[in-house]
């Protein structure tokens, strides 16, 4: 996972958390749900990138 991907995914996660909290504070279930969705989307991207990293590392180990 490249540094740019990590930063982008973390930024998306934090943006989702912020929207979720604003939705809670303003009693806005739509904004809360949107924030939750963004947060979990970022988590899924991070997991996908980690799987790629593990696959790449395993391939490198086999090539040695």
PDB file of N, CA and C in Angstrom:
ATOM      1  N   UNK A   1       0.851  -1.161   0.000  1.00  0.00           N
ATOM      2  CA  UNK A   1       0.000   0.000   0.000  1.00  0.00           C
ATOM      3  C   UNK A   1       0.896   1.222   0.000  1.00  0.00           C
ATOM      4  N   UNK A   2       0.658   2.100  -0.944  1.00  0.00           N
ATOM      5  CA  UNK A   2       1.457   3.312  -1.013  1.00  0.00           C
ATOM      6  C   UNK A   2       1.068   4.317   0.056  1.00  0.00           C
ATOM      7  N   UNK A   3       1.971   5.195   0.363  1.00  0.00           N
ATOM      8  CA  UNK A   3       1.724   6.207   1.384  1.00  0.00           C
ATOM      9  C   UNK A   3       0.533   7.080   1.007  1.00  0.00           C
ATOM     10  N   UNK A   4       0.417   7.412  -0.260  1.00  0.00           N
ATOM     11  CA  UNK A   4      -0.709   8.227  -0.723  1.00  0.00           C
ATOM     12  C   UNK A   4      -2.039   7.541  -0.485  1.00  0.00           C
ATOM     13  N   UNK A   5      -2.090   6.231  -0.731  1.00  0.00           N
ATOM     14  CA  UNK A   5      -3.312   5.461  -0.482  1.00  0.00           C
ATOM     15  C   UNK A   5      -3.653   5.457   1.001  1.00  0.00           C
ATOM     16  N   UNK A   6      -2.633   5.251   1.837  1.00  0.00           N
ATOM     17  CA  UNK A   6      -2.861   5.224   3.283  1.00  0.00           C
ATOM     18  C   UNK A   6      -3.413   6.557   3.767  1.00  0.00           C
ATOM     19  N   UNK A   7      -2.814   7.646   3.289  1.00  0.00           N
ATOM     20  CA  UNK A   7      -3.263   8.974   3.706  1.00  0.00           C
ATOM     21  C   UNK A   7      -4.687   9.236   3.225  1.00  0.00           C
ATOM     22  N   UNK A   8      -4.958   8.894   1.971  1.00  0.00           N
ATOM     23  CA  UNK A   8      -6.294   9.105   1.419  1.00  0.00           C
ATOM     24  C   UNK A   8      -7.356   8.308   2.139  1.00  0.00           C
ATOM     25  N   UNK A   9      -7.055   7.042   2.429  1.00  0.00           N
ATOM     26  CA  UNK A   9      -8.025   6.203   3.131  1.00  0.00           C
ATOM     27  C   UNK A   9      -8.258   6.707   4.547  1.00  0.00           C
ATOM     28  N   UNK A  10      -7.196   7.134   5.217  1.00  0.00           N
ATOM     29  CA  UNK A  10      -7.339   7.648   6.585  1.00  0.00           C
ATOM     30  C   UNK A  10      -8.148   8.936   6.577  1.00  0.00           C
ATOM     31  N   UNK A  11      -7.909   9.792   5.582  1.00  0.00           N
ATOM     32  CA  UNK A  11      -8.666  11.041   5.472  1.00  0.00           C
ATOM     33  C   UNK A  11     -10.146  10.751   5.251  1.00  0.00           C
ATOM     34  N   UNK A  12     -10.440   9.772   4.409  1.00  0.00           N
ATOM     35  CA  UNK A  12     -11.835   9.405   4.160  1.00  0.00           C
ATOM     36  C   UNK A  12     -12.485   8.857   5.434  1.00  0.00           C
ATOM     37  N   UNK A  13     -11.729   8.059   6.180  1.00  0.00           N
ATOM     38  CA  UNK A  13     -12.243   7.513   7.438  1.00  0.00           C
ATOM     39  C   UNK A  13     -12.551   8.638   8.430  1.00  0.00           C
ATOM     40  N   UNK A  14     -11.637   9.588   8.564  1.00  0.00           N
ATOM     41  CA  UNK A  14     -11.833  10.703   9.498  1.00  0.00           C
ATOM     42  C   UNK A  14     -12.994  11.596   9.074  1.00  0.00           C
ATOM     43  N   UNK A  15     -13.143  11.792   7.770  1.00  0.00           N
ATOM     44  CA  UNK A  15     -14.268  12.577   7.255  1.00  0.00           C
ATOM     45  C   UNK A  15     -15.588  11.890   7.605  1.00  0.00           C
ATOM     46  N   UNK A  16     -15.620  10.575   7.457  1.00  0.00           N
ATOM     47  CA  UNK A  16     -16.817   9.815   7.807  1.00  0.00           C
ATOM     48  C   UNK A  16     -17.137   9.907   9.291  1.00  0.00           C
ATOM     49  N   UNK A  17     -16.092   9.800  10.125  1.00  0.00           N
ATOM     50  CA  UNK A  17     -16.295   9.920  11.575  1.00  0.00           C
ATOM     51  C   UNK A  17     -16.844  11.292  11.936  1.00  0.00           C
ATOM     52  N   UNK A  18     -16.305  12.326  11.290  1.00  0.00           N
ATOM     53  CA  UNK A  18     -16.761  13.693  11.568  1.00  0.00           C
ATOM     54  C   UNK A  18     -18.232  13.860  11.188  1.00  0.00           C
ATOM     55  N   UNK A  19     -18.609  13.377  10.009  1.00  0.00           N
ATOM     56  CA  UNK A  19     -20.006  13.474   9.582  1.00  0.00           C
ATOM     57  C   UNK A  19     -20.922  12.709  10.532  1.00  0.00           C
ATOM     58  N   UNK A  20     -20.449  11.546  10.951  1.00  0.00           N
ATOM     59  CA  UNK A  20     -21.228  10.725  11.875  1.00  0.00           C
ATOM     60  C   UNK A  20     -21.477  11.491  13.185  1.00  0.00           C
ATOM     61  N   UNK A  21     -20.441  12.143  13.715  1.00  0.00           N
ATOM     62  CA  UNK A  21     -20.568  12.899  14.968  1.00  0.00           C
ATOM     63  C   UNK A  21     -21.452  14.132  14.792  1.00  0.00           C
ATOM     64  N   UNK A  22     -21.321  14.821  13.670  1.00  0.00           N
ATOM     65  CA  UNK A  22     -22.183  15.978  13.408  1.00  0.00           C
ATOM     66  C   UNK A  22     -23.634  15.518  13.298  1.00  0.00           C
ATOM     67  N   UNK A  23     -23.843  14.390  12.638  1.00  0.00           N
ATOM     68  CA  UNK A  23     -25.191  13.838  12.543  1.00  0.00           C
ATOM     69  C   UNK A  23     -25.767  13.506  13.903  1.00  0.00           C
ATOM     70  N   UNK A  24     -24.941  12.959  14.779  1.00  0.00           N
ATOM     71  CA  UNK A  24     -25.378  12.673  16.155  1.00  0.00           C
ATOM     72  C   UNK A  24     -25.729  13.965  16.887  1.00  0.00           C
ATOM     73  N   UNK A  25     -24.834  14.949  16.781  1.00  0.00           N
ATOM     74  CA  UNK A  25     -25.006  16.196  17.520  1.00  0.00           C
ATOM     75  C   UNK A  25     -26.222  16.987  17.049  1.00  0.00           C
ATOM     76  N   UNK A  26     -26.514  16.925  15.751  1.00  0.00           N
ATOM     77  CA  UNK A  26     -27.627  17.703  15.198  1.00  0.00           C
ATOM     78  C   UNK A  26     -28.892  16.876  15.047  1.00  0.00           C
ATOM     79  N   UNK A  27     -28.847  15.654  15.527  1.00  0.00           N
ATOM     80  CA  UNK A  27     -29.987  14.730  15.416  1.00  0.00           C
ATOM     81  C   UNK A  27     -30.428  14.580  13.957  1.00  0.00           C
ATOM     82  N   UNK A  28     -29.425  14.395  13.085  1.00  0.00           N
ATOM     83  CA  UNK A  28     -29.661  14.245  11.653  1.00  0.00           C
ATOM     84  C   UNK A  28     -29.273  12.820  11.255  1.00  0.00           C
ATOM     85  N   UNK A  29     -30.264  11.909  11.204  1.00  0.00           N
ATOM     86  CA  UNK A  29     -29.936  10.513  10.904  1.00  0.00           C
ATOM     87  C   UNK A  29     -29.368  10.299   9.503  1.00  0.00           C
ATOM     88  N   UNK A  30     -29.734  11.152   8.549  1.00  0.00           N
ATOM     89  CA  UNK A  30     -29.189  11.009   7.193  1.00  0.00           C
ATOM     90  C   UNK A  30     -27.691  11.283   7.168  1.00  0.00           C
ATOM     91  N   UNK A  31     -27.271  12.357   7.838  1.00  0.00           N
ATOM     92  CA  UNK A  31     -25.849  12.686   7.876  1.00  0.00           C
ATOM     93  C   UNK A  31     -25.091  11.635   8.678  1.00  0.00           C
ATOM     94  N   UNK A  32     -25.695  11.170   9.747  1.00  0.00           N
ATOM     95  CA  UNK A  32     -25.062  10.130  10.562  1.00  0.00           C
ATOM     96  C   UNK A  32     -24.843   8.869   9.728  1.00  0.00           C
ATOM     97  N   UNK A  33     -25.850   8.464   8.978  1.00  0.00           N
ATOM     98  CA  UNK A  33     -25.743   7.270   8.136  1.00  0.00           C
ATOM     99  C   UNK A  33     -24.711   7.467   7.027  1.00  0.00           C
ATOM    100  N   UNK A  34     -24.682   8.658   6.443  1.00  0.00           N
ATOM    101  CA  UNK A  34     -23.704   8.946   5.392  1.00  0.00           C
ATOM    102  C   UNK A  34     -22.286   8.849   5.954  1.00  0.00           C
ATOM    103  N   UNK A  35     -22.085   9.400   7.134  1.00  0.00           N
ATOM    104  CA  UNK A  35     -20.773   9.331   7.771  1.00  0.00           C
ATOM    105  C   UNK A  35     -20.368   7.911   8.092  1.00  0.00           C
ATOM    106  N   UNK A  36     -21.302   7.135   8.598  1.00  0.00           N
ATOM    107  CA  UNK A  36     -21.020   5.730   8.905  1.00  0.00           C
ATOM    108  C   UNK A  36     -20.634   4.972   7.640  1.00  0.00           C
ATOM    109  N   UNK A  37     -21.360   5.231   6.563  1.00  0.00           N
ATOM    110  CA  UNK A  37     -21.061   4.578   5.286  1.00  0.00           C
ATOM    111  C   UNK A  37     -19.672   4.930   4.777  1.00  0.00           C
ATOM    112  N   UNK A  38     -19.314   6.209   4.863  1.00  0.00           N
ATOM    113  CA  UNK A  38     -17.987   6.630   4.411  1.00  0.00           C
ATOM    114  C   UNK A  38     -16.888   5.993   5.257  1.00  0.00           C
ATOM    115  N   UNK A  39     -17.141   5.922   6.554  1.00  0.00           N
ATOM    116  CA  UNK A  39     -16.148   5.340   7.458  1.00  0.00           C
ATOM    117  C   UNK A  39     -15.911   3.870   7.115  1.00  0.00           C
ATOM    118  N   UNK A  40     -16.984   3.116   6.909  1.00  0.00           N
ATOM    119  CA  UNK A  40     -16.826   1.694   6.606  1.00  0.00           C
ATOM    120  C   UNK A  40     -16.284   1.455   5.201  1.00  0.00           C
ATOM    121  N   UNK A  41     -16.579   2.359   4.290  1.00  0.00           N
ATOM    122  CA  UNK A  41     -16.006   2.261   2.942  1.00  0.00           C
ATOM    123  C   UNK A  41     -14.485   2.410   3.022  1.00  0.00           C
ATOM    124  N   UNK A  42     -14.026   3.353   3.834  1.00  0.00           N
ATOM    125  CA  UNK A  42     -12.586   3.556   4.012  1.00  0.00           C
ATOM    126  C   UNK A  42     -11.951   2.327   4.659  1.00  0.00           C
ATOM    127  N   UNK A  43     -12.633   1.731   5.630  1.00  0.00           N
ATOM    128  CA  UNK A  43     -12.114   0.520   6.278  1.00  0.00           C
ATOM    129  C   UNK A  43     -11.977  -0.607   5.260  1.00  0.00           C
ATOM    130  N   UNK A  44     -12.957  -0.733   4.372  1.00  0.00           N
ATOM    131  CA  UNK A  44     -12.906  -1.791   3.358  1.00  0.00           C
ATOM    132  C   UNK A  44     -11.735  -1.565   2.401  1.00  0.00           C
ATOM    133  N   UNK A  45     -11.503  -0.312   2.020  1.00  0.00           N
ATOM    134  CA  UNK A  45     -10.375  -0.010   1.145  1.00  0.00           C
ATOM    135  C   UNK A  45      -9.051  -0.361   1.827  1.00  0.00           C
ATOM    136  N   UNK A  46      -8.950  -0.020   3.115  1.00  0.00           N
ATOM    137  CA  UNK A  46      -7.730  -0.322   3.866  1.00  0.00           C
ATOM    138  C   UNK A  46      -7.507  -1.823   3.938  1.00  0.00           C
ATOM    139  N   UNK A  47      -8.568  -2.580   4.160  1.00  0.00           N
ATOM    140  CA  UNK A  47      -8.444  -4.036   4.223  1.00  0.00           C
ATOM    141  C   UNK A  47      -7.998  -4.597   2.872  1.00  0.00           C
ATOM    142  N   UNK A  48      -8.568  -4.086   1.793  1.00  0.00           N
ATOM    143  CA  UNK A  48      -8.187  -4.528   0.460  1.00  0.00           C
ATOM    144  C   UNK A  48      -6.725  -4.251   0.165  1.00  0.00           C
ATOM    145  N   UNK A  49      -6.254  -3.087   0.568  1.00  0.00           N
ATOM    146  CA  UNK A  49      -4.844  -2.751   0.360  1.00  0.00           C
ATOM    147  C   UNK A  49      -3.935  -3.659   1.186  1.00  0.00           C
ATOM    148  N   UNK A  50      -4.355  -4.003   2.391  1.00  0.00           N
ATOM    149  CA  UNK A  50      -3.556  -4.904   3.230  1.00  0.00           C
ATOM    150  C   UNK A  50      -3.472  -6.293   2.604  1.00  0.00           C
ATOM    151  N   UNK A  51      -4.570  -6.752   2.002  1.00  0.00           N
ATOM    152  CA  UNK A  51      -4.563  -8.059   1.327  1.00  0.00           C
ATOM    153  C   UNK A  51      -3.581  -8.025   0.160  1.00  0.00           C
ATOM    154  N   UNK A  52      -3.583  -6.931  -0.587  1.00  0.00           N
ATOM    155  CA  UNK A  52      -2.630  -6.798  -1.692  1.00  0.00           C
ATOM    156  C   UNK A  52      -1.197  -6.852  -1.180  1.00  0.00           C
ATOM    157  N   UNK A  53      -0.941  -6.154  -0.069  1.00  0.00           N
ATOM    158  CA  UNK A  53       0.407  -6.142   0.509  1.00  0.00           C
ATOM    159  C   UNK A  53       0.843  -7.540   0.920  1.00  0.00           C
ATOM    160  N   UNK A  54      -0.049  -8.288   1.551  1.00  0.00           N
ATOM    161  CA  UNK A  54       0.276  -9.649   1.989  1.00  0.00           C
ATOM    162  C   UNK A  54       0.569 -10.521   0.772  1.00  0.00           C
ATOM    163  N   UNK A  55      -0.243 -10.407  -0.266  1.00  0.00           N
ATOM    164  CA  UNK A  55      -0.010 -11.176  -1.487  1.00  0.00           C
ATOM    165  C   UNK A  55       1.315 -10.830  -2.130  1.00  0.00           C
ATOM    166  N   UNK A  56       1.630  -9.554  -2.174  1.00  0.00           N
ATOM    167  CA  UNK A  56       2.893  -9.102  -2.758  1.00  0.00           C
ATOM    168  C   UNK A  56       4.074  -9.632  -1.936  1.00  0.00           C
ATOM    169  N   UNK A  57       3.957  -9.576  -0.605  1.00  0.00           N
ATOM    170  CA  UNK A  57       5.027 -10.080   0.268  1.00  0.00           C
ATOM    171  C   UNK A  57       5.208 -11.588   0.098  1.00  0.00           C
ATOM    172  N   UNK A  58       4.108 -12.321  -0.020  1.00  0.00           N
ATOM    173  CA  UNK A  58       4.188 -13.777  -0.183  1.00  0.00           C
ATOM    174  C   UNK A  58       4.863 -14.103  -1.515  1.00  0.00           C
ATOM    175  N   UNK A  59       4.522 -13.359  -2.552  1.00  0.00           N
ATOM    176  CA  UNK A  59       5.140 -13.589  -3.860  1.00  0.00           C
ATOM    177  C   UNK A  59       6.639 -13.317  -3.791  1.00  0.00           C
ATOM    178  N   UNK A  60       7.016 -12.223  -3.108  1.00  0.00           N
ATOM    179  CA  UNK A  60       8.428 -11.884  -2.963  1.00  0.00           C
ATOM    180  C   UNK A  60       9.172 -12.981  -2.212  1.00  0.00           C
ATOM    181  N   UNK A  61       8.548 -13.547  -1.184  1.00  0.00           N
ATOM    182  CA  UNK A  61       9.176 -14.620  -0.420  1.00  0.00           C
ATOM    183  C   UNK A  61       9.375 -15.872  -1.270  1.00  0.00           C
ATOM    184  N   UNK A  62       8.430 -16.167  -2.155  1.00  0.00           N
ATOM    185  CA  UNK A  62       8.539 -17.334  -3.005  1.00  0.00           C
ATOM    186  C   UNK A  62       9.605 -17.165  -4.085  1.00  0.00           C
ATOM    187  N   UNK A  63       9.800 -15.930  -4.506  1.00  0.00           N
ATOM    188  CA  UNK A  63      10.793 -15.655  -5.560  1.00  0.00           C
ATOM    189  C   UNK A  63      12.226 -15.726  -5.059  1.00  0.00           C
ATOM    190  N   UNK A  64      12.404 -15.757  -3.768  1.00  0.00           N
ATOM    191  CA  UNK A  64      13.777 -15.777  -3.212  1.00  0.00           C
ATOM    192  C   UNK A  64      14.378 -17.130  -3.294  1.00  0.00           C
TER     193      UNK A  64
END
